[in-house]
N, C-alpha and C. Protein backbone atom coordinates (compact mmCIF):
# COMPACT_ATOMS: atom_id res chain seq x y z
N MET A 1 1.05 -1.38 -0.05
CA MET A 1 -0.09 -0.17 0.08
C MET A 1 0.97 1.19 -0.04
N ASN A 2 0.77 2.06 -1.05
CA ASN A 2 1.33 3.62 -0.83
C ASN A 2 0.95 4.09 0.19
N SER A 3 2.01 5.45 0.61
CA SER A 3 1.79 6.15 1.80
C SER A 3 0.70 6.72 1.62
N THR A 4 0.19 7.29 3.00
CA THR A 4 -1.10 8.13 2.95
C THR A 4 -0.76 9.53 3.18
N ASN A 5 -1.00 10.51 2.42
CA ASN A 5 -1.14 12.00 2.46
C ASN A 5 -1.92 12.69 3.47
N PRO A 6 -1.20 13.27 4.67
CA PRO A 6 -1.53 13.92 6.14
C PRO A 6 -2.74 15.23 5.82
N LYS A 7 -2.45 15.48 4.34
CA LYS A 7 -3.94 16.45 3.77
C LYS A 7 -5.13 16.04 3.75
N VAL A 8 -4.99 14.41 3.38
CA VAL A 8 -6.66 13.74 3.07
C VAL A 8 -6.78 13.11 4.42
N ASP A 9 -5.61 12.57 5.26
CA ASP A 9 -6.10 12.52 6.76
C ASP A 9 -6.97 13.39 7.40
N ASP A 10 -6.41 14.86 7.49
CA ASP A 10 -7.17 15.60 8.02
C ASP A 10 -8.61 15.80 7.30
N HIS A 11 -8.79 15.29 5.84
CA HIS A 11 -10.10 15.75 5.43
C HIS A 11 -11.17 14.64 5.55
N ILE A 12 -10.54 13.71 5.54
CA ILE A 12 -11.82 12.46 5.98
C ILE A 12 -11.78 12.62 7.70
N ALA A 13 -11.17 12.99 8.58
CA ALA A 13 -11.09 13.14 9.92
C ALA A 13 -12.52 14.21 10.22
N GLN A 14 -12.24 15.28 9.22
CA GLN A 14 -13.31 16.47 9.52
C GLN A 14 -14.50 15.80 8.88
N ALA A 15 -14.83 15.19 8.10
CA ALA A 15 -16.01 14.74 7.21
C ALA A 15 -16.91 14.56 8.14
N LYS A 16 -18.18 15.21 7.61
CA LYS A 16 -19.54 15.18 9.01
C LYS A 16 -20.46 13.69 8.63
N LYS A 17 -19.76 13.38 7.44
CA LYS A 17 -20.68 11.93 6.84
C LYS A 17 -19.74 11.12 6.21
N TRP A 18 -19.73 9.50 6.36
CA TRP A 18 -19.11 8.61 5.40
C TRP A 18 -17.53 8.61 5.67
N GLN A 19 -17.49 8.71 7.06
CA GLN A 19 -15.81 8.71 7.52
C GLN A 19 -15.47 7.24 7.24
N ALA A 20 -16.12 6.20 7.65
CA ALA A 20 -15.74 4.87 7.67
C ALA A 20 -15.98 4.61 5.99
N GLU A 21 -17.08 4.80 5.28
CA GLU A 21 -16.83 4.24 3.97
C GLU A 21 -16.06 5.00 3.24
N LEU A 22 -15.27 6.38 3.55
CA LEU A 22 -14.32 7.20 2.47
C LEU A 22 -12.72 6.26 3.14
N THR A 23 -12.60 5.69 4.48
CA THR A 23 -11.41 5.07 4.81
C THR A 23 -11.48 3.85 4.32
N ALA A 24 -12.70 3.34 4.04
CA ALA A 24 -12.65 1.91 3.10
C ALA A 24 -11.75 1.93 1.66
N LEU A 25 -12.86 2.95 1.21
CA LEU A 25 -12.47 3.27 -0.38
C LEU A 25 -10.99 3.75 -0.50
N ARG A 26 -10.46 4.59 0.47
CA ARG A 26 -8.80 4.69 0.64
C ARG A 26 -8.15 3.70 0.33
N ARG A 27 -8.34 2.33 1.52
CA ARG A 27 -7.27 1.46 1.48
C ARG A 27 -7.18 0.45 0.06
N ILE A 28 -8.78 0.70 -0.25
CA ILE A 28 -8.62 -0.04 -1.15
C ILE A 28 -7.84 0.61 -2.69
N VAL A 29 -7.79 2.06 -2.67
CA VAL A 29 -6.94 2.83 -3.84
C VAL A 29 -5.90 2.89 -3.57
N LEU A 30 -5.06 3.06 -2.44
CA LEU A 30 -4.21 2.93 -1.99
C LEU A 30 -3.14 1.47 -2.42
N ASP A 31 -4.04 0.49 -2.01
CA ASP A 31 -3.52 -0.62 -2.51
C ASP A 31 -2.93 -0.66 -4.42
N CYS A 32 -3.54 -0.07 -4.98
CA CYS A 32 -3.25 -0.32 -6.38
C CYS A 32 -2.40 0.43 -7.18
N ASP A 33 -1.55 1.07 -5.97
CA ASP A 33 -0.08 1.60 -6.41
C ASP A 33 -0.37 3.22 -6.75
N LEU A 34 -1.49 3.74 -6.25
CA LEU A 34 -1.73 5.18 -6.93
C LEU A 34 -1.09 6.46 -5.72
N THR A 35 -0.99 7.29 -5.93
CA THR A 35 -0.23 8.43 -5.33
C THR A 35 -1.42 9.27 -4.67
N GLU A 36 -1.53 9.23 -3.40
CA GLU A 36 -2.67 10.08 -2.52
C GLU A 36 -2.55 12.00 -2.68
N GLU A 37 -3.34 12.68 -3.20
CA GLU A 37 -3.43 14.12 -2.64
C GLU A 37 -4.68 14.08 -2.68
N LEU A 38 -4.57 15.77 -2.43
CA LEU A 38 -5.86 16.35 -2.05
C LEU A 38 -6.00 17.36 -3.29
N LYS A 39 -6.89 17.32 -3.90
CA LYS A 39 -7.53 18.50 -5.19
C LYS A 39 -8.64 18.89 -5.32
N TRP A 40 -8.83 20.05 -5.44
CA TRP A 40 -10.37 20.69 -5.24
C TRP A 40 -11.24 20.23 -4.15
N GLY A 41 -10.74 20.27 -3.00
CA GLY A 41 -11.05 19.92 -1.58
C GLY A 41 -11.86 18.25 -1.60
N GLN A 42 -11.00 17.47 -2.57
CA GLN A 42 -11.12 16.11 -2.35
C GLN A 42 -9.81 15.14 -2.71
N PRO A 43 -9.98 13.65 -1.92
CA PRO A 43 -9.09 13.06 -2.22
C PRO A 43 -8.69 12.86 -3.35
N CYS A 44 -7.71 12.84 -4.10
CA CYS A 44 -7.48 12.48 -5.27
C CYS A 44 -6.41 11.44 -5.81
N TYR A 45 -6.39 10.83 -6.49
CA TYR A 45 -5.24 9.70 -6.77
C TYR A 45 -4.50 9.47 -8.40
N THR A 46 -3.59 10.13 -7.98
CA THR A 46 -2.83 10.15 -9.55
C THR A 46 -1.85 8.78 -9.93
N TYR A 47 -1.58 9.03 -11.14
CA TYR A 47 -0.43 7.82 -11.51
C TYR A 47 0.40 8.89 -12.41
N ALA A 48 1.75 8.65 -12.29
CA ALA A 48 2.64 9.20 -13.02
C ALA A 48 2.07 10.90 -13.28
N GLY A 49 1.60 11.51 -12.13
CA GLY A 49 0.94 12.68 -12.26
C GLY A 49 -0.28 12.82 -13.09
N ALA A 50 -1.15 12.03 -13.36
CA ALA A 50 -2.37 11.49 -14.23
C ALA A 50 -3.30 11.64 -13.09
N ASN A 51 -4.73 12.14 -13.34
CA ASN A 51 -5.61 12.20 -12.18
C ASN A 51 -6.56 10.89 -12.85
N ILE A 52 -6.68 9.85 -11.78
CA ILE A 52 -7.48 8.44 -12.24
C ILE A 52 -8.70 8.45 -11.40
N ILE A 53 -8.54 8.91 -9.88
CA ILE A 53 -9.59 8.62 -9.16
C ILE A 53 -10.01 9.58 -8.44
N ILE A 54 -11.18 9.66 -7.48
CA ILE A 54 -11.49 10.90 -6.63
C ILE A 54 -12.51 10.07 -5.79
N LEU A 55 -12.26 10.71 -4.68
CA LEU A 55 -13.18 10.05 -3.74
C LEU A 55 -14.24 11.23 -3.19
N GLY A 56 -15.65 10.89 -3.02
CA GLY A 56 -16.54 12.45 -2.52
C GLY A 56 -17.51 11.85 -1.58
N GLY A 57 -17.73 12.87 -0.95
CA GLY A 57 -19.12 12.49 0.04
C GLY A 57 -20.05 13.27 -0.03
N PHE A 58 -21.03 12.93 -0.60
CA PHE A 58 -22.42 13.71 -0.95
C PHE A 58 -23.69 13.08 0.02
N LYS A 59 -24.60 14.24 -0.09
CA LYS A 59 -25.34 14.17 0.79
C LYS A 59 -25.85 12.53 1.14
N GLU A 60 -26.36 11.92 -0.25
CA GLU A 60 -27.12 10.53 -0.23
C GLU A 60 -26.32 9.53 -0.10
N HIS A 61 -24.75 9.63 -0.51
CA HIS A 61 -23.95 8.61 -0.80
C HIS A 61 -22.71 9.18 -0.70
N CYS A 62 -21.38 8.44 -0.43
CA CYS A 62 -20.06 8.71 -1.08
C CYS A 62 -20.15 8.30 -2.53
N ARG A 63 -18.79 8.33 -2.73
CA ARG A 63 -18.53 7.78 -4.15
C ARG A 63 -17.40 7.88 -4.38
N LEU A 64 -16.91 6.77 -5.28
CA LEU A 64 -15.61 6.36 -5.89
C LEU A 64 -15.89 7.02 -7.32
N MET A 65 -15.01 7.77 -7.89
CA MET A 65 -15.09 8.92 -8.87
C MET A 65 -14.10 8.25 -9.90
N PHE A 66 -14.23 7.83 -11.25
CA PHE A 66 -13.29 7.72 -12.42
C PHE A 66 -12.98 8.69 -13.40
N ILE A 67 -12.01 9.31 -13.26
CA ILE A 67 -11.92 10.47 -14.26
C ILE A 67 -12.53 10.15 -15.60
N ASN A 68 -11.85 9.13 -16.25
CA ASN A 68 -11.99 8.47 -17.70
C ASN A 68 -13.07 7.11 -17.46
N GLY A 69 -13.89 6.97 -16.60
CA GLY A 69 -14.72 6.01 -16.55
C GLY A 69 -15.29 5.59 -17.36
N SER A 70 -15.29 6.27 -18.80
CA SER A 70 -15.95 5.88 -19.93
C SER A 70 -15.44 4.97 -20.69
N LEU A 71 -14.01 4.92 -20.24
CA LEU A 71 -13.19 3.67 -21.04
C LEU A 71 -12.84 2.50 -20.54
N LEU A 72 -13.88 2.26 -19.06
CA LEU A 72 -13.87 0.96 -18.49
C LEU A 72 -14.61 0.23 -19.04
N LYS A 73 -14.43 -1.04 -18.81
CA LYS A 73 -15.61 -2.13 -19.39
C LYS A 73 -16.71 -2.15 -18.84
N ASP A 74 -16.59 -2.24 -17.18
CA ASP A 74 -17.91 -2.19 -16.45
C ASP A 74 -18.46 -3.53 -16.54
N PRO A 75 -18.24 -4.74 -16.45
CA PRO A 75 -18.93 -5.78 -17.12
C PRO A 75 -20.31 -6.08 -15.82
N LYS A 76 -20.26 -5.55 -14.53
CA LYS A 76 -21.00 -5.32 -13.81
C LYS A 76 -22.22 -4.35 -13.69
N ASP A 77 -21.93 -3.22 -14.69
CA ASP A 77 -23.01 -2.43 -15.00
C ASP A 77 -23.28 -1.72 -13.39
N LEU A 78 -21.86 -0.98 -12.89
CA LEU A 78 -21.66 -0.57 -11.78
C LEU A 78 -21.68 1.04 -11.91
N LEU A 79 -20.91 1.33 -13.09
CA LEU A 79 -20.69 2.88 -13.08
C LEU A 79 -22.11 3.57 -13.80
N GLN A 80 -22.11 4.98 -13.59
CA GLN A 80 -23.14 5.71 -13.33
C GLN A 80 -22.28 7.40 -13.87
N LYS A 81 -23.22 7.93 -14.52
CA LYS A 81 -22.79 9.29 -15.04
C LYS A 81 -22.99 10.13 -13.81
N PRO A 82 -22.25 11.27 -13.40
CA PRO A 82 -22.53 12.80 -12.67
C PRO A 82 -23.54 13.02 -13.62
N GLY A 83 -23.85 13.77 -14.55
CA GLY A 83 -24.89 14.47 -14.95
C GLY A 83 -25.14 13.60 -16.70
N GLU A 84 -26.22 14.38 -16.82
CA GLU A 84 -26.77 13.49 -18.04
C GLU A 84 -25.82 13.83 -19.38
N HIS A 85 -24.95 14.88 -19.33
CA HIS A 85 -24.46 14.82 -20.19
C HIS A 85 -22.82 14.81 -20.23
N THR A 86 -22.45 14.49 -18.71
CA THR A 86 -21.33 13.61 -18.66
C THR A 86 -20.94 12.92 -19.65
N GLN A 87 -19.23 13.16 -19.94
CA GLN A 87 -18.96 12.32 -21.54
C GLN A 87 -17.89 11.42 -20.84
N ALA A 88 -16.99 11.93 -20.25
CA ALA A 88 -15.40 11.06 -19.56
C ALA A 88 -16.19 10.19 -18.15
N GLY A 89 -16.36 11.17 -17.07
CA GLY A 89 -16.78 10.82 -15.61
C GLY A 89 -17.47 9.70 -15.45
N ARG A 90 -17.21 8.65 -14.70
CA ARG A 90 -18.07 7.78 -14.00
C ARG A 90 -18.03 7.37 -12.74
N PHE A 91 -19.06 7.47 -11.68
CA PHE A 91 -18.81 6.86 -10.68
C PHE A 91 -19.73 5.81 -10.04
N ILE A 92 -19.10 5.17 -8.81
CA ILE A 92 -19.98 4.33 -8.41
C ILE A 92 -20.07 4.42 -6.62
N PRO A 93 -21.71 4.83 -6.57
CA PRO A 93 -22.00 5.10 -4.66
C PRO A 93 -21.96 4.34 -4.13
N PHE A 94 -21.62 4.33 -2.89
CA PHE A 94 -21.86 3.37 -1.74
C PHE A 94 -22.68 4.23 -0.52
N THR A 95 -23.13 3.49 0.38
CA THR A 95 -23.72 4.14 1.33
C THR A 95 -23.55 3.16 2.83
N SER A 96 -22.48 2.18 2.57
CA SER A 96 -22.24 1.30 3.83
C SER A 96 -20.74 0.64 3.47
N VAL A 97 -19.92 0.58 4.19
CA VAL A 97 -18.95 -0.41 4.26
C VAL A 97 -19.07 -1.61 4.02
N LYS A 98 -20.10 -2.12 4.23
CA LYS A 98 -20.73 -3.63 3.92
C LYS A 98 -20.88 -3.79 2.38
N GLU A 99 -21.36 -2.67 1.74
CA GLU A 99 -21.09 -2.59 0.30
C GLU A 99 -20.11 -2.51 -0.16
N ILE A 100 -18.83 -1.73 0.53
CA ILE A 100 -17.56 -1.33 0.03
C ILE A 100 -16.76 -2.81 -0.14
N THR A 101 -16.81 -3.46 0.83
CA THR A 101 -16.08 -4.92 1.60
C THR A 101 -16.65 -5.99 0.28
N ALA A 102 -17.63 -5.62 0.14
CA ALA A 102 -18.28 -6.96 -1.10
C ALA A 102 -17.48 -6.33 -2.12
N LEU A 103 -17.61 -5.53 -2.48
CA LEU A 103 -16.99 -5.07 -4.49
C LEU A 103 -15.75 -4.99 -4.36
N LYS A 104 -15.05 -5.42 -3.19
CA LYS A 104 -13.49 -4.85 -2.82
C LYS A 104 -12.67 -5.43 -3.98
N PRO A 105 -12.92 -6.75 -4.41
CA PRO A 105 -11.99 -7.27 -5.42
C PRO A 105 -12.34 -6.97 -7.04
N LEU A 106 -13.66 -6.62 -6.98
CA LEU A 106 -14.04 -6.06 -8.24
C LEU A 106 -13.79 -4.39 -8.41
N LEU A 107 -13.55 -4.04 -7.21
CA LEU A 107 -13.22 -2.52 -7.16
C LEU A 107 -11.77 -2.44 -7.29
N LYS A 108 -10.91 -3.02 -7.11
CA LYS A 108 -9.33 -3.07 -7.30
C LYS A 108 -8.96 -3.48 -9.15
N ASP A 109 -9.91 -4.65 -9.80
CA ASP A 109 -9.96 -4.68 -10.92
C ASP A 109 -10.25 -3.28 -11.73
N TYR A 110 -11.38 -2.69 -11.43
CA TYR A 110 -11.77 -1.49 -12.13
C TYR A 110 -10.71 -0.40 -12.08
N ILE A 111 -10.09 -0.29 -10.59
CA ILE A 111 -8.96 0.77 -10.32
C ILE A 111 -7.71 0.63 -11.45
N LEU A 112 -7.57 -0.88 -11.77
CA LEU A 112 -6.01 -1.29 -12.10
C LEU A 112 -6.74 -1.09 -13.53
N GLU A 113 -7.60 -1.21 -13.97
CA GLU A 113 -8.05 -0.96 -15.39
C GLU A 113 -7.59 0.54 -15.89
N ALA A 114 -8.17 1.02 -14.87
CA ALA A 114 -8.00 2.71 -15.00
C ALA A 114 -6.56 3.12 -15.29
N VAL A 115 -5.80 2.12 -14.32
CA VAL A 115 -4.52 2.69 -14.42
C VAL A 115 -3.93 2.13 -15.87
N ALA A 116 -4.34 1.23 -16.00
CA ALA A 116 -3.94 0.55 -17.59
C ALA A 116 -4.18 0.88 -18.58
N ALA A 117 -5.19 2.09 -18.74
CA ALA A 117 -5.95 2.54 -19.76
C ALA A 117 -4.73 3.93 -19.89
N GLU A 118 -4.50 4.48 -18.91
CA GLU A 118 -3.85 5.58 -18.64
C GLU A 118 -2.41 5.35 -19.00
N LYS A 119 -1.98 4.14 -18.99
CA LYS A 119 -0.34 3.62 -19.24
C LYS A 119 -0.54 3.42 -20.86
N ALA A 120 -1.72 3.10 -21.41
CA ALA A 120 -1.62 2.95 -22.55
C ALA A 120 -1.95 4.14 -23.46
N GLY A 121 -1.85 5.03 -22.48
CA GLY A 121 -2.62 6.74 -23.48
C GLY A 121 -3.77 6.72 -24.01
N MET A 122 -4.73 5.85 -23.37
CA MET A 122 -6.01 5.96 -23.91
C MET A 122 -6.60 7.44 -23.34
N LYS A 123 -7.52 7.56 -24.23
CA LYS A 123 -8.29 8.85 -24.14
C LYS A 123 -9.81 8.65 -24.71
N PRO A 124 -10.58 9.46 -23.38
CA PRO A 124 -12.52 9.35 -23.82
C PRO A 124 -12.80 10.22 -25.65
N VAL A 125 -13.61 9.56 -26.06
CA VAL A 125 -14.12 9.90 -27.44
C VAL A 125 -15.10 10.64 -26.71
N TYR A 126 -14.83 12.02 -26.80
CA TYR A 126 -15.86 13.24 -26.89
C TYR A 126 -16.65 13.21 -27.92
N LYS A 127 -18.05 13.40 -27.76
CA LYS A 127 -19.30 13.59 -29.16
C LYS A 127 -19.02 15.09 -29.30
N SER A 128 -18.74 15.33 -30.63
CA SER A 128 -18.69 16.88 -30.90
C SER A 128 -20.01 17.77 -30.72
N ALA A 129 -19.78 18.76 -30.01
CA ALA A 129 -20.54 19.70 -29.73
C ALA A 129 -21.49 20.87 -31.07
N PRO A 130 -22.44 21.28 -30.82
CA PRO A 130 -22.95 22.19 -31.57
C PRO A 130 -21.75 23.14 -32.32
N GLU A 131 -21.09 23.55 -31.29
CA GLU A 131 -20.18 24.57 -31.03
C GLU A 131 -18.55 23.94 -31.28
N PRO A 132 -17.68 24.19 -31.85
CA PRO A 132 -16.51 23.82 -31.28
C PRO A 132 -15.92 24.18 -30.17
N PHE A 133 -15.29 23.32 -29.29
CA PHE A 133 -14.19 23.70 -27.95
C PHE A 133 -13.42 24.17 -28.23
N PRO A 134 -13.09 25.60 -27.65
CA PRO A 134 -11.70 26.08 -28.24
C PRO A 134 -10.76 25.52 -27.09
N GLU A 135 -9.76 25.45 -27.99
CA GLU A 135 -8.23 24.67 -27.20
C GLU A 135 -8.21 25.34 -25.89
N GLU A 136 -8.20 26.50 -25.55
CA GLU A 136 -8.20 26.82 -24.29
C GLU A 136 -8.98 26.27 -23.22
N LEU A 137 -10.19 26.07 -24.02
CA LEU A 137 -11.26 25.16 -22.81
C LEU A 137 -10.69 24.12 -22.83
N GLU A 138 -10.48 23.29 -23.87
CA GLU A 138 -9.95 21.83 -23.77
C GLU A 138 -8.66 21.85 -22.72
N THR A 139 -7.95 22.63 -22.42
CA THR A 139 -6.84 22.52 -21.76
C THR A 139 -6.99 22.59 -20.48
N LYS A 140 -8.13 23.87 -20.35
CA LYS A 140 -8.57 23.89 -18.69
C LYS A 140 -9.49 22.60 -18.38
N LEU A 141 -10.22 21.94 -18.88
CA LEU A 141 -11.03 21.15 -18.72
C LEU A 141 -9.56 19.89 -18.55
N ASP A 142 -9.16 19.83 -19.33
CA ASP A 142 -8.00 18.19 -18.95
C ASP A 142 -7.35 18.67 -17.54
N LYS A 143 -7.06 19.73 -17.01
CA LYS A 143 -6.55 20.14 -16.01
C LYS A 143 -7.19 20.28 -14.61
N ASP A 144 -8.64 20.22 -15.00
CA ASP A 144 -9.55 20.70 -13.85
C ASP A 144 -10.56 19.56 -13.84
N PRO A 145 -10.54 18.48 -13.39
CA PRO A 145 -11.89 17.49 -13.33
C PRO A 145 -12.91 18.06 -12.92
N ALA A 146 -12.86 18.80 -11.68
CA ALA A 146 -14.20 19.58 -11.23
C ALA A 146 -14.72 20.43 -12.08
N LEU A 147 -14.22 20.97 -12.76
CA LEU A 147 -14.70 22.07 -13.76
C LEU A 147 -15.17 21.41 -15.24
N ALA A 148 -14.67 20.11 -15.56
CA ALA A 148 -14.68 19.45 -16.42
C ALA A 148 -16.29 18.41 -16.24
N GLU A 149 -16.24 18.14 -15.13
CA GLU A 149 -17.56 17.58 -14.69
C GLU A 149 -19.05 18.32 -14.66
N ALA A 150 -18.35 19.54 -13.99
CA ALA A 150 -19.74 21.01 -13.82
C ALA A 150 -19.95 21.17 -15.55
N PHE A 151 -19.04 21.28 -16.59
CA PHE A 151 -19.53 21.74 -17.67
C PHE A 151 -20.12 21.24 -18.52
N ALA A 152 -19.80 19.60 -18.26
CA ALA A 152 -20.42 18.25 -18.68
C ALA A 152 -22.02 17.95 -18.04
N ALA A 153 -22.49 19.00 -17.11
CA ALA A 153 -23.59 18.45 -16.52
C ALA A 153 -24.37 19.45 -16.72
N LEU A 154 -23.82 20.47 -17.69
CA LEU A 154 -24.83 21.79 -17.92
C LEU A 154 -25.78 21.38 -18.87
N THR A 155 -26.77 21.97 -19.34
CA THR A 155 -27.73 21.84 -20.43
C THR A 155 -26.93 22.19 -21.68
N PRO A 156 -27.18 21.32 -22.61
CA PRO A 156 -27.08 21.80 -23.84
C PRO A 156 -27.03 23.12 -24.46
N GLY A 157 -27.92 23.90 -23.91
CA GLY A 157 -27.94 25.46 -24.16
C GLY A 157 -27.13 26.50 -23.55
N ARG A 158 -26.89 25.63 -22.22
CA ARG A 158 -25.97 26.53 -21.21
C ARG A 158 -24.78 26.27 -22.28
N GLN A 159 -24.40 24.82 -22.29
CA GLN A 159 -22.69 24.91 -23.03
C GLN A 159 -22.91 25.30 -24.17
N ARG A 160 -23.58 25.63 -24.91
CA ARG A 160 -23.81 26.23 -26.16
C ARG A 160 -23.33 27.94 -26.10
N ALA A 161 -24.23 28.29 -24.77
CA ALA A 161 -24.24 29.79 -24.88
C ALA A 161 -22.47 30.34 -24.32
N TYR A 162 -21.91 29.59 -23.45
CA TYR A 162 -20.44 29.47 -22.92
C TYR A 162 -19.62 29.19 -24.14
N LEU A 163 -19.81 28.23 -24.89
CA LEU A 163 -19.06 28.15 -26.13
C LEU A 163 -19.06 29.15 -27.13
N LEU A 164 -20.03 29.99 -27.65
CA LEU A 164 -20.31 31.02 -28.33
C LEU A 164 -19.87 32.12 -27.82
N HIS A 165 -19.58 32.27 -26.25
CA HIS A 165 -19.20 33.81 -25.74
C HIS A 165 -17.57 33.53 -25.61
N PHE A 166 -16.94 31.93 -25.39
CA PHE A 166 -15.50 31.92 -25.37
C PHE A 166 -15.00 32.05 -27.11
N ASN A 167 -15.34 31.36 -28.08
CA ASN A 167 -15.06 31.30 -29.43
C ASN A 167 -15.41 32.75 -30.03
N ALA A 168 -16.10 33.57 -29.24
CA ALA A 168 -16.11 34.98 -30.06
C ALA A 168 -14.96 35.82 -30.14
N ALA A 169 -13.98 35.45 -28.76
CA ALA A 169 -13.11 36.34 -28.94
C ALA A 169 -11.82 35.78 -30.07
N LYS A 170 -11.40 36.53 -30.04
CA LYS A 170 -9.98 36.09 -31.41
C LYS A 170 -9.12 36.47 -30.97
N GLN A 171 -8.51 36.74 -29.43
CA GLN A 171 -7.30 36.58 -29.29
C GLN A 171 -7.33 34.94 -28.03
N SER A 172 -6.30 34.34 -27.92
CA SER A 172 -6.31 33.17 -26.89
C SER A 172 -6.16 33.96 -25.69
N ALA A 173 -5.59 35.15 -25.48
CA ALA A 173 -5.32 35.63 -24.31
C ALA A 173 -7.17 35.61 -23.63
N THR A 174 -7.55 36.49 -24.57
CA THR A 174 -8.60 36.71 -24.31
C THR A 174 -10.20 35.59 -23.80
N ARG A 175 -9.93 34.63 -24.68
CA ARG A 175 -10.73 33.40 -24.83
C ARG A 175 -10.29 32.49 -22.97
N THR A 176 -8.77 32.54 -22.80
CA THR A 176 -8.68 32.26 -21.62
C THR A 176 -8.87 33.00 -20.30
N SER A 177 -8.83 34.36 -20.38
CA SER A 177 -9.80 35.10 -19.70
C SER A 177 -10.88 35.21 -19.37
N ARG A 178 -11.87 35.11 -20.37
CA ARG A 178 -13.34 34.67 -20.38
C ARG A 178 -13.89 33.27 -19.34
N ILE A 179 -12.67 32.47 -19.96
CA ILE A 179 -13.20 30.90 -19.46
C ILE A 179 -12.77 30.86 -17.92
N GLU A 180 -11.74 31.81 -17.26
CA GLU A 180 -11.46 32.40 -16.17
C GLU A 180 -12.72 32.71 -15.52
N ALA A 181 -12.67 33.98 -16.37
CA ALA A 181 -14.00 34.62 -15.17
C ALA A 181 -15.32 34.15 -15.18
N CYS A 182 -15.39 32.81 -16.07
CA CYS A 182 -16.71 32.08 -15.99
C CYS A 182 -16.79 30.72 -14.96
N LYS A 183 -15.47 30.48 -14.53
CA LYS A 183 -15.18 29.23 -13.95
C LYS A 183 -16.26 29.27 -12.90
N SER A 184 -16.37 30.21 -11.92
CA SER A 184 -17.31 29.98 -10.37
C SER A 184 -18.68 30.12 -11.24
N ARG A 185 -19.08 30.56 -12.19
CA ARG A 185 -20.27 30.24 -12.49
C ARG A 185 -20.94 28.42 -13.03
N ILE A 186 -19.72 28.45 -13.97
CA ILE A 186 -20.09 27.01 -14.45
C ILE A 186 -19.74 25.82 -13.07
N LEU A 187 -18.95 26.22 -12.12
CA LEU A 187 -19.08 25.13 -10.95
C LEU A 187 -20.28 25.39 -10.13
N CYS A 188 -20.94 26.32 -10.38
CA CYS A 188 -22.28 26.36 -9.41
C CYS A 188 -23.39 25.68 -10.25
N GLY A 189 -22.98 25.54 -11.63
CA GLY A 189 -24.26 24.77 -12.33
C GLY A 189 -25.06 26.03 -12.69
N LYS A 190 -24.74 27.27 -13.13
CA LYS A 190 -25.08 28.47 -13.61
C LYS A 190 -24.71 28.57 -15.10
N GLY A 191 -25.92 29.06 -16.14
CA GLY A 191 -25.39 29.73 -17.47
C GLY A 191 -24.77 30.77 -17.48
N LEU A 192 -24.31 31.24 -18.49
CA LEU A 192 -23.71 32.49 -18.93
C LEU A 192 -24.71 33.79 -18.29
N GLN A 193 -26.10 33.55 -18.27
CA GLN A 193 -27.49 34.42 -18.50
C GLN A 193 -28.05 34.19 -17.42
N ASP A 194 -27.41 33.11 -16.39
CA ASP A 194 -28.35 33.00 -15.12
C ASP A 194 -28.36 33.88 -14.11
N CYS A 195 -28.86 33.91 -13.15
CA CYS A 195 -28.92 34.89 -11.95
C CYS A 195 -27.79 34.45 -10.91
N ILE A 196 -26.95 34.91 -10.66
CA ILE A 196 -26.46 34.52 -9.22
C ILE A 196 -26.44 35.37 -8.08
N CYS A 197 -26.96 36.43 -7.96
CA CYS A 197 -27.10 37.29 -6.73
C CYS A 197 -28.52 36.52 -6.12
N GLY A 198 -29.21 36.13 -6.52
CA GLY A 198 -30.62 35.63 -6.09
C GLY A 198 -31.58 36.82 -5.86
N HIS A 199 -31.72 37.84 -6.35
CA HIS A 199 -32.34 38.98 -6.63
C HIS A 199 -33.33 39.06 -7.58
N SER A 200 -32.93 38.17 -8.53
CA SER A 200 -33.76 38.18 -9.91
C SER A 200 -35.26 37.78 -9.52
N LYS A 201 -36.00 38.75 -10.36
CA LYS A 201 -37.60 38.20 -10.29
C LYS A 201 -37.92 37.49 -11.41
N LYS A 202 -37.01 37.09 -12.62
CA LYS A 202 -37.10 36.30 -13.27
C LYS A 202 -35.99 35.01 -13.41
N MET A 203 -36.11 34.07 -12.39
CA MET A 203 -35.66 33.01 -12.08
C MET A 203 -35.59 32.02 -13.48
N PRO A 204 -34.80 31.37 -13.59
CA PRO A 204 -33.02 31.42 -13.37
C PRO A 204 -32.42 32.61 -14.18
N ALA A 205 -33.35 33.35 -15.11
CA ALA A 205 -32.13 34.29 -15.59
C ALA A 205 -32.25 35.47 -14.74
N CYS A 206 -31.24 36.09 -15.39
CA CYS A 206 -30.72 37.56 -14.82
C CYS A 206 -31.40 38.30 -15.32
N ASP A 207 -32.08 39.31 -14.55
CA ASP A 207 -32.81 40.47 -14.94
C ASP A 207 -32.19 41.88 -14.88
N GLY A 208 -30.91 41.94 -14.16
CA GLY A 208 -30.27 43.43 -13.80
C GLY A 208 -30.32 43.49 -12.70
N SER A 209 -30.96 42.68 -11.48
CA SER A 209 -31.35 43.35 -10.17
C SER A 209 -30.04 43.51 -9.56
N HIS A 210 -29.11 42.77 -9.81
CA HIS A 210 -28.07 43.22 -8.80
C HIS A 210 -27.41 44.41 -9.36
N LYS A 211 -27.49 45.04 -10.07
CA LYS A 211 -27.41 46.40 -10.28
C LYS A 211 -27.46 47.17 -9.41
N LEU A 212 -28.95 46.86 -8.99
CA LEU A 212 -29.69 47.93 -7.79
C LEU A 212 -28.75 47.73 -6.66
N PHE A 213 -28.13 46.27 -6.47
CA PHE A 213 -27.30 45.99 -5.02
C PHE A 213 -25.89 46.46 -4.93
N ALA A 214 -25.39 46.82 -6.02
CA ALA A 214 -24.04 47.08 -6.48
C ALA A 214 -24.01 48.56 -6.36
N LYS A 215 -25.05 49.21 -5.56
CA LYS A 215 -24.75 50.84 -5.73
C LYS A 215 -24.40 50.74 -3.98
């Protein structure tokens, strides 16, 4: 088993739910020769610097998240999509240590398959979008799985609005700046024209009410 990361120790110790389940999943993942890190506020497991697994605790369950889970064969049909439009990420939900223990050998097979796919240089096949993905966005999503998952979970209309906004910039620096400026919106599941101040009378659309509170 690989060594544990003190930051992940603290993260699990402070978790309000699923401590035992996250600990059980952690043992299994570390037994697969992965490096443990804390990224995006979650335990993340990498191979040769590439993100392979994320552990997360949610209201209804904790999950074992495969960054490129769409590459896995999934013989037992365990993998689920985080969102309707998610293309690469897949996860397995758990609500008890008993469930995790029962699937331990199979989970190790899935994890080792994910590592093998990374070693082989395999990449998910993304369906083409109505609007092209700018190179700057693809680079950002590759480096930030949380952002990639959030963008994939947006409705097609919201995705298209962002793509039009990013692609409208002629300079790469401007496209990068626009993507960074929209990052917090995307992570919150908001569209480009959605209200984020909570004062709009035309939810979820923004009606300009935020301007009154900015004075």
